[in-house]
């Protein structure tokens, strides 16, 4: 099972939409609220080069923004052993 992490803030409407999508699809994920965790915010910026959320990581793949098709494709790649 791929490791899915979602970087969010509590005021981000796209973050809420993304979390709802993941739950509806039955995709387990770990949420990291970068608004409440400055160290996590620094890790996210180092990883992506930007401060915007949501950011989803699926194993080594990074999806920036609300991108259901990108998430599905990344999950398919990981499950096929292509990550």
PDB file of N, CA and C in Angstrom:
ATOM      1  N   UNK A   1       0.846  -1.184   0.000  1.00  0.00           N
ATOM      2  CA  UNK A   1       0.000   0.000   0.000  1.00  0.00           C
ATOM      3  C   UNK A   1       0.887   1.241   0.000  1.00  0.00           C
ATOM      4  N   UNK A   2       0.674   2.148  -0.930  1.00  0.00           N
ATOM      5  CA  UNK A   2       1.495   3.357  -0.988  1.00  0.00           C
ATOM      6  C   UNK A   2       1.269   4.257   0.228  1.00  0.00           C
ATOM      7  N   UNK A   3       2.304   5.004   0.580  1.00  0.00           N
ATOM      8  CA  UNK A   3       2.196   5.968   1.666  1.00  0.00           C
ATOM      9  C   UNK A   3       1.721   7.294   1.087  1.00  0.00           C
ATOM     10  N   UNK A   4       0.545   7.727   1.523  1.00  0.00           N
ATOM     11  CA  UNK A   4      -0.060   8.959   1.022  1.00  0.00           C
ATOM     12  C   UNK A   4      -0.075   9.983   2.156  1.00  0.00           C
ATOM     13  N   UNK A   5       0.523  11.134   1.894  1.00  0.00           N
ATOM     14  CA  UNK A   5       0.539  12.231   2.860  1.00  0.00           C
ATOM     15  C   UNK A   5      -0.035  13.465   2.191  1.00  0.00           C
ATOM     16  N   UNK A   6      -0.909  14.160   2.909  1.00  0.00           N
ATOM     17  CA  UNK A   6      -1.529  15.372   2.388  1.00  0.00           C
ATOM     18  C   UNK A   6      -1.155  16.534   3.302  1.00  0.00           C
ATOM     19  N   UNK A   7      -0.504  17.533   2.725  1.00  0.00           N
ATOM     20  CA  UNK A   7      -0.150  18.752   3.452  1.00  0.00           C
ATOM     21  C   UNK A   7      -1.282  19.749   3.257  1.00  0.00           C
ATOM     22  N   UNK A   8      -1.811  20.255   4.370  1.00  0.00           N
ATOM     23  CA  UNK A   8      -2.999  21.105   4.338  1.00  0.00           C
ATOM     24  C   UNK A   8      -2.852  22.295   5.285  1.00  0.00           C
ATOM     25  N   UNK A   9      -3.855  23.171   5.231  1.00  0.00           N
ATOM     26  CA  UNK A   9      -4.111  24.139   6.296  1.00  0.00           C
ATOM     27  C   UNK A   9      -5.598  24.043   6.614  1.00  0.00           C
ATOM     28  N   UNK A  10      -5.968  24.488   7.789  1.00  0.00           N
ATOM     29  CA  UNK A  10      -7.372  24.374   8.193  1.00  0.00           C
ATOM     30  C   UNK A  10      -8.281  25.355   7.460  1.00  0.00           C
ATOM     31  N   UNK A  11      -7.720  26.376   6.811  1.00  0.00           N
ATOM     32  CA  UNK A  11      -8.541  27.374   6.115  1.00  0.00           C
ATOM     33  C   UNK A  11      -8.600  27.173   4.602  1.00  0.00           C
ATOM     34  N   UNK A  12      -8.016  26.107   4.107  1.00  0.00           N
ATOM     35  CA  UNK A  12      -7.907  25.875   2.667  1.00  0.00           C
ATOM     36  C   UNK A  12      -9.107  25.077   2.148  1.00  0.00           C
ATOM     37  N   UNK A  13      -9.973  25.692   1.318  1.00  0.00           N
ATOM     38  CA  UNK A  13     -11.123  24.950   0.798  1.00  0.00           C
ATOM     39  C   UNK A  13     -10.724  23.804  -0.131  1.00  0.00           C
ATOM     40  N   UNK A  14      -9.644  23.957  -0.898  1.00  0.00           N
ATOM     41  CA  UNK A  14      -9.204  22.881  -1.786  1.00  0.00           C
ATOM     42  C   UNK A  14      -8.663  21.702  -0.987  1.00  0.00           C
ATOM     43  N   UNK A  15      -8.099  21.984   0.181  1.00  0.00           N
ATOM     44  CA  UNK A  15      -7.628  20.910   1.061  1.00  0.00           C
ATOM     45  C   UNK A  15      -8.812  20.070   1.539  1.00  0.00           C
ATOM     46  N   UNK A  16      -9.889  20.738   1.934  1.00  0.00           N
ATOM     47  CA  UNK A  16     -11.094  20.025   2.372  1.00  0.00           C
ATOM     48  C   UNK A  16     -11.656  19.178   1.246  1.00  0.00           C
ATOM     49  N   UNK A  17     -11.681  19.751   0.056  1.00  0.00           N
ATOM     50  CA  UNK A  17     -12.185  19.017  -1.110  1.00  0.00           C
ATOM     51  C   UNK A  17     -11.310  17.795  -1.391  1.00  0.00           C
ATOM     52  N   UNK A  18      -9.997  17.962  -1.289  1.00  0.00           N
ATOM     53  CA  UNK A  18      -9.073  16.852  -1.523  1.00  0.00           C
ATOM     54  C   UNK A  18      -9.266  15.745  -0.493  1.00  0.00           C
ATOM     55  N   UNK A  19      -9.385  16.110   0.777  1.00  0.00           N
ATOM     56  CA  UNK A  19      -9.587  15.099   1.819  1.00  0.00           C
ATOM     57  C   UNK A  19     -10.890  14.345   1.595  1.00  0.00           C
ATOM     58  N   UNK A  20     -11.945  15.053   1.191  1.00  0.00           N
ATOM     59  CA  UNK A  20     -13.219  14.389   0.886  1.00  0.00           C
ATOM     60  C   UNK A  20     -13.062  13.413  -0.269  1.00  0.00           C
ATOM     61  N   UNK A  21     -12.354  13.836  -1.310  1.00  0.00           N
ATOM     62  CA  UNK A  21     -12.106  12.959  -2.457  1.00  0.00           C
ATOM     63  C   UNK A  21     -11.389  11.683  -2.012  1.00  0.00           C
ATOM     64  N   UNK A  22     -10.318  11.836  -1.237  1.00  0.00           N
ATOM     65  CA  UNK A  22      -9.543  10.674  -0.798  1.00  0.00           C
ATOM     66  C   UNK A  22     -10.405   9.723   0.033  1.00  0.00           C
ATOM     67  N   UNK A  23     -11.214  10.274   0.918  1.00  0.00           N
ATOM     68  CA  UNK A  23     -12.094   9.439   1.745  1.00  0.00           C
ATOM     69  C   UNK A  23     -13.117   8.719   0.881  1.00  0.00           C
ATOM     70  N   UNK A  24     -13.721   9.432  -0.076  1.00  0.00           N
ATOM     71  CA  UNK A  24     -14.713   8.814  -0.965  1.00  0.00           C
ATOM     72  C   UNK A  24     -14.103   7.687  -1.790  1.00  0.00           C
ATOM     73  N   UNK A  25     -12.836   7.843  -2.171  1.00  0.00           N
ATOM     74  CA  UNK A  25     -12.142   6.832  -2.966  1.00  0.00           C
ATOM     75  C   UNK A  25     -11.586   5.697  -2.106  1.00  0.00           C
ATOM     76  N   UNK A  26     -11.685   5.828  -0.787  1.00  0.00           N
ATOM     77  CA  UNK A  26     -11.166   4.803   0.114  1.00  0.00           C
ATOM     78  C   UNK A  26      -9.648   4.793   0.197  1.00  0.00           C
ATOM     79  N   UNK A  27      -9.028   5.935  -0.036  1.00  0.00           N
ATOM     80  CA  UNK A  27      -7.568   6.049  -0.016  1.00  0.00           C
ATOM     81  C   UNK A  27      -7.139   6.506   1.376  1.00  0.00           C
ATOM     82  N   UNK A  28      -6.368   5.681   2.056  1.00  0.00           N
ATOM     83  CA  UNK A  28      -5.855   6.039   3.378  1.00  0.00           C
ATOM     84  C   UNK A  28      -4.761   7.082   3.227  1.00  0.00           C
ATOM     85  N   UNK A  29      -4.763   8.066   4.117  1.00  0.00           N
ATOM     86  CA  UNK A  29      -3.755   9.118   4.031  1.00  0.00           C
ATOM     87  C   UNK A  29      -3.454   9.673   5.411  1.00  0.00           C
ATOM     88  N   UNK A  30      -2.301  10.292   5.509  1.00  0.00           N
ATOM     89  CA  UNK A  30      -1.903  11.017   6.706  1.00  0.00           C
ATOM     90  C   UNK A  30      -1.999  12.498   6.386  1.00  0.00           C
ATOM     91  N   UNK A  31      -2.687  13.231   7.243  1.00  0.00           N
ATOM     92  CA  UNK A  31      -2.796  14.678   7.049  1.00  0.00           C
ATOM     93  C   UNK A  31      -1.752  15.390   7.897  1.00  0.00           C
ATOM     94  N   UNK A  32      -1.068  16.347   7.286  1.00  0.00           N
ATOM     95  CA  UNK A  32      -0.105  17.189   7.986  1.00  0.00           C
ATOM     96  C   UNK A  32      -0.564  18.634   7.812  1.00  0.00           C
ATOM     97  N   UNK A  33      -0.978  19.255   8.905  1.00  0.00           N
ATOM     98  CA  UNK A  33      -1.458  20.633   8.858  1.00  0.00           C
ATOM     99  C   UNK A  33      -0.264  21.569   9.005  1.00  0.00           C
ATOM    100  N   UNK A  34       0.173  22.138   7.893  1.00  0.00           N
ATOM    101  CA  UNK A  34       1.362  22.996   7.904  1.00  0.00           C
ATOM    102  C   UNK A  34       1.082  24.352   8.549  1.00  0.00           C
ATOM    103  N   UNK A  35      -0.172  24.694   8.732  1.00  0.00           N
ATOM    104  CA  UNK A  35      -0.519  25.914   9.440  1.00  0.00           C
ATOM    105  C   UNK A  35      -0.276  25.800  10.934  1.00  0.00           C
ATOM    106  N   UNK A  36      -0.284  24.578  11.431  1.00  0.00           N
ATOM    107  CA  UNK A  36      -0.081  24.329  12.859  1.00  0.00           C
ATOM    108  C   UNK A  36       1.290  23.750  13.167  1.00  0.00           C
ATOM    109  N   UNK A  37       2.039  23.362  12.148  1.00  0.00           N
ATOM    110  CA  UNK A  37       3.332  22.697  12.353  1.00  0.00           C
ATOM    111  C   UNK A  37       4.399  23.370  11.488  1.00  0.00           C
ATOM    112  N   UNK A  38       5.120  24.356  12.041  1.00  0.00           N
ATOM    113  CA  UNK A  38       6.116  25.087  11.250  1.00  0.00           C
ATOM    114  C   UNK A  38       7.210  24.196  10.665  1.00  0.00           C
ATOM    115  N   UNK A  39       7.610  23.158  11.375  1.00  0.00           N
ATOM    116  CA  UNK A  39       8.642  22.254  10.852  1.00  0.00           C
ATOM    117  C   UNK A  39       8.114  21.507   9.624  1.00  0.00           C
ATOM    118  N   UNK A  40       6.867  21.071   9.679  1.00  0.00           N
ATOM    119  CA  UNK A  40       6.257  20.404   8.524  1.00  0.00           C
ATOM    120  C   UNK A  40       6.140  21.370   7.351  1.00  0.00           C
ATOM    121  N   UNK A  41       5.839  22.628   7.638  1.00  0.00           N
ATOM    122  CA  UNK A  41       5.769  23.639   6.575  1.00  0.00           C
ATOM    123  C   UNK A  41       7.125  23.789   5.899  1.00  0.00           C
ATOM    124  N   UNK A  42       8.197  23.803   6.682  1.00  0.00           N
ATOM    125  CA  UNK A  42       9.550  23.897   6.101  1.00  0.00           C
ATOM    126  C   UNK A  42       9.863  22.670   5.239  1.00  0.00           C
ATOM    127  N   UNK A  43       9.475  21.484   5.715  1.00  0.00           N
ATOM    128  CA  UNK A  43       9.701  20.254   4.927  1.00  0.00           C
ATOM    129  C   UNK A  43       8.950  20.327   3.601  1.00  0.00           C
ATOM    130  N   UNK A  44       7.706  20.804   3.647  1.00  0.00           N
ATOM    131  CA  UNK A  44       6.899  20.893   2.434  1.00  0.00           C
ATOM    132  C   UNK A  44       7.530  21.867   1.440  1.00  0.00           C
ATOM    133  N   UNK A  45       7.981  23.024   1.916  1.00  0.00           N
ATOM    134  CA  UNK A  45       8.607  24.008   1.027  1.00  0.00           C
ATOM    135  C   UNK A  45       9.892  23.442   0.440  1.00  0.00           C
ATOM    136  N   UNK A  46      10.667  22.731   1.244  1.00  0.00           N
ATOM    137  CA  UNK A  46      11.902  22.116   0.744  1.00  0.00           C
ATOM    138  C   UNK A  46      11.580  21.069  -0.325  1.00  0.00           C
ATOM    139  N   UNK A  47      10.520  20.327  -0.111  1.00  0.00           N
ATOM    140  CA  UNK A  47      10.113  19.266  -1.030  1.00  0.00           C
ATOM    141  C   UNK A  47       9.573  19.817  -2.344  1.00  0.00           C
ATOM    142  N   UNK A  48       8.784  20.902  -2.270  1.00  0.00           N
ATOM    143  CA  UNK A  48       8.068  21.392  -3.450  1.00  0.00           C
ATOM    144  C   UNK A  48       8.585  22.713  -3.997  1.00  0.00           C
ATOM    145  N   UNK A  49       9.304  23.462  -3.166  1.00  0.00           N
ATOM    146  CA  UNK A  49       9.761  24.781  -3.584  1.00  0.00           C
ATOM    147  C   UNK A  49       8.687  25.852  -3.505  1.00  0.00           C
ATOM    148  N   UNK A  50       7.565  25.545  -2.877  1.00  0.00           N
ATOM    149  CA  UNK A  50       6.493  26.532  -2.759  1.00  0.00           C
ATOM    150  C   UNK A  50       5.736  26.345  -1.457  1.00  0.00           C
ATOM    151  N   UNK A  51       4.891  27.325  -1.154  1.00  0.00           N
ATOM    152  CA  UNK A  51       4.153  27.327   0.108  1.00  0.00           C
ATOM    153  C   UNK A  51       2.669  26.998  -0.052  1.00  0.00           C
ATOM    154  N   UNK A  52       2.200  26.806  -1.261  1.00  0.00           N
ATOM    155  CA  UNK A  52       0.762  26.605  -1.453  1.00  0.00           C
ATOM    156  C   UNK A  52       0.346  25.181  -1.091  1.00  0.00           C
ATOM    157  N   UNK A  53      -0.900  25.055  -0.683  1.00  0.00           N
ATOM    158  CA  UNK A  53      -1.493  23.768  -0.352  1.00  0.00           C
ATOM    159  C   UNK A  53      -2.789  23.625  -1.146  1.00  0.00           C
ATOM    160  N   UNK A  54      -3.274  22.420  -1.336  1.00  0.00           N
ATOM    161  CA  UNK A  54      -2.763  21.166  -0.809  1.00  0.00           C
ATOM    162  C   UNK A  54      -1.598  20.620  -1.629  1.00  0.00           C
ATOM    163  N   UNK A  55      -0.791  19.834  -0.950  1.00  0.00           N
ATOM    164  CA  UNK A  55       0.272  19.062  -1.588  1.00  0.00           C
ATOM    165  C   UNK A  55       0.071  17.623  -1.147  1.00  0.00           C
ATOM    166  N   UNK A  56       0.093  16.709  -2.100  1.00  0.00           N
ATOM    167  CA  UNK A  56      -0.041  15.293  -1.799  1.00  0.00           C
ATOM    168  C   UNK A  56       1.235  14.592  -2.212  1.00  0.00           C
ATOM    169  N   UNK A  57       1.772  13.770  -1.326  1.00  0.00           N
ATOM    170  CA  UNK A  57       2.890  12.914  -1.706  1.00  0.00           C
ATOM    171  C   UNK A  57       2.402  11.474  -1.668  1.00  0.00           C
ATOM    172  N   UNK A  58       2.759  10.749  -2.705  1.00  0.00           N
ATOM    173  CA  UNK A  58       2.436   9.330  -2.801  1.00  0.00           C
ATOM    174  C   UNK A  58       3.759   8.634  -3.031  1.00  0.00           C
ATOM    175  N   UNK A  59       4.255   8.014  -1.959  1.00  0.00           N
ATOM    176  CA  UNK A  59       5.625   7.520  -1.934  1.00  0.00           C
ATOM    177  C   UNK A  59       6.543   8.667  -2.352  1.00  0.00           C
ATOM    178  N   UNK A  60       7.216   8.595  -3.467  1.00  0.00           N
ATOM    179  CA  UNK A  60       8.156   9.647  -3.885  1.00  0.00           C
ATOM    180  C   UNK A  60       7.542  10.658  -4.850  1.00  0.00           C
ATOM    181  N   UNK A  61       6.295  10.439  -5.251  1.00  0.00           N
ATOM    182  CA  UNK A  61       5.658  11.341  -6.211  1.00  0.00           C
ATOM    183  C   UNK A  61       4.967  12.501  -5.494  1.00  0.00           C
ATOM    184  N   UNK A  62       4.989  13.668  -6.117  1.00  0.00           N
ATOM    185  CA  UNK A  62       4.411  14.879  -5.535  1.00  0.00           C
ATOM    186  C   UNK A  62       3.323  15.405  -6.463  1.00  0.00           C
ATOM    187  N   UNK A  63       2.143  15.652  -5.894  1.00  0.00           N
ATOM    188  CA  UNK A  63       1.040  16.241  -6.642  1.00  0.00           C
ATOM    189  C   UNK A  63       0.689  17.553  -5.954  1.00  0.00           C
ATOM    190  N   UNK A  64       0.765  18.645  -6.686  1.00  0.00           N
ATOM    191  CA  UNK A  64       0.488  19.961  -6.123  1.00  0.00           C
ATOM    192  C   UNK A  64      -0.912  20.389  -6.532  1.00  0.00           C
ATOM    193  N   UNK A  65      -1.698  20.827  -5.546  1.00  0.00           N
ATOM    194  CA  UNK A  65      -3.053  21.284  -5.798  1.00  0.00           C
ATOM    195  C   UNK A  65      -4.067  20.152  -5.725  1.00  0.00           C
ATOM    196  N   UNK A  66      -5.297  20.492  -6.056  1.00  0.00           N
ATOM    197  CA  UNK A  66      -6.378  19.509  -6.084  1.00  0.00           C
ATOM    198  C   UNK A  66      -6.383  18.872  -7.469  1.00  0.00           C
ATOM    199  N   UNK A  67      -5.899  17.641  -7.550  1.00  0.00           N
ATOM    200  CA  UNK A  67      -5.712  16.983  -8.843  1.00  0.00           C
ATOM    201  C   UNK A  67      -6.082  15.501  -8.730  1.00  0.00           C
ATOM    202  N   UNK A  68      -7.386  15.185  -8.721  1.00  0.00           N
ATOM    203  CA  UNK A  68      -7.800  13.789  -8.596  1.00  0.00           C
ATOM    204  C   UNK A  68      -7.194  12.874  -9.657  1.00  0.00           C
ATOM    205  N   UNK A  69      -7.120  13.339 -10.911  1.00  0.00           N
ATOM    206  CA  UNK A  69      -6.547  12.498 -11.964  1.00  0.00           C
ATOM    207  C   UNK A  69      -5.062  12.242 -11.710  1.00  0.00           C
ATOM    208  N   UNK A  70      -4.342  13.254 -11.259  1.00  0.00           N
ATOM    209  CA  UNK A  70      -2.931  13.086 -10.933  1.00  0.00           C
ATOM    210  C   UNK A  70      -2.726  12.110  -9.790  1.00  0.00           C
ATOM    211  N   UNK A  71      -3.614  12.166  -8.803  1.00  0.00           N
ATOM    212  CA  UNK A  71      -3.527  11.246  -7.669  1.00  0.00           C
ATOM    213  C   UNK A  71      -3.805   9.821  -8.128  1.00  0.00           C
ATOM    214  N   UNK A  72      -4.843   9.644  -8.934  1.00  0.00           N
ATOM    215  CA  UNK A  72      -5.141   8.296  -9.446  1.00  0.00           C
ATOM    216  C   UNK A  72      -3.966   7.748 -10.260  1.00  0.00           C
ATOM    217  N   UNK A  73      -3.373   8.594 -11.100  1.00  0.00           N
ATOM    218  CA  UNK A  73      -2.242   8.159 -11.930  1.00  0.00           C
ATOM    219  C   UNK A  73      -1.040   7.801 -11.063  1.00  0.00           C
ATOM    220  N   UNK A  74      -0.756   8.611 -10.052  1.00  0.00           N
ATOM    221  CA  UNK A  74       0.380   8.327  -9.166  1.00  0.00           C
ATOM    222  C   UNK A  74       0.157   7.026  -8.407  1.00  0.00           C
ATOM    223  N   UNK A  75      -1.057   6.807  -7.930  1.00  0.00           N
ATOM    224  CA  UNK A  75      -1.353   5.552  -7.230  1.00  0.00           C
ATOM    225  C   UNK A  75      -1.197   4.358  -8.163  1.00  0.00           C
ATOM    226  N   UNK A  76      -1.669   4.493  -9.393  1.00  0.00           N
ATOM    227  CA  UNK A  76      -1.530   3.405 -10.364  1.00  0.00           C
ATOM    228  C   UNK A  76      -0.058   3.120 -10.647  1.00  0.00           C
ATOM    229  N   UNK A  77       0.756   4.174 -10.781  1.00  0.00           N
ATOM    230  CA  UNK A  77       2.195   3.994 -11.008  1.00  0.00           C
ATOM    231  C   UNK A  77       2.851   3.262  -9.848  1.00  0.00           C
ATOM    232  N   UNK A  78       2.525   3.680  -8.632  1.00  0.00           N
ATOM    233  CA  UNK A  78       3.124   3.054  -7.449  1.00  0.00           C
ATOM    234  C   UNK A  78       2.707   1.595  -7.358  1.00  0.00           C
ATOM    235  N   UNK A  79       1.428   1.333  -7.581  1.00  0.00           N
ATOM    236  CA  UNK A  79       0.938  -0.039  -7.499  1.00  0.00           C
ATOM    237  C   UNK A  79       1.539  -0.913  -8.594  1.00  0.00           C
ATOM    238  N   UNK A  80       1.915  -0.297  -9.720  1.00  0.00           N
ATOM    239  CA  UNK A  80       2.554  -1.043 -10.811  1.00  0.00           C
ATOM    240  C   UNK A  80       4.066  -1.144 -10.605  1.00  0.00           C
ATOM    241  N   UNK A  81       4.558  -0.544  -9.519  1.00  0.00           N
ATOM    242  CA  UNK A  81       5.983  -0.608  -9.224  1.00  0.00           C
ATOM    243  C   UNK A  81       6.820   0.398  -9.968  1.00  0.00           C
ATOM    244  N   UNK A  82       6.208   1.496 -10.423  1.00  0.00           N
ATOM    245  CA  UNK A  82       6.924   2.475 -11.233  1.00  0.00           C
ATOM    246  C   UNK A  82       7.289   3.740 -10.477  1.00  0.00           C
ATOM    247  N   UNK A  83       7.106   3.782  -9.158  1.00  0.00           N
ATOM    248  CA  UNK A  83       7.386   5.034  -8.439  1.00  0.00           C
ATOM    249  C   UNK A  83       8.864   5.313  -8.331  1.00  0.00           C
TER     250      UNK A  83
END
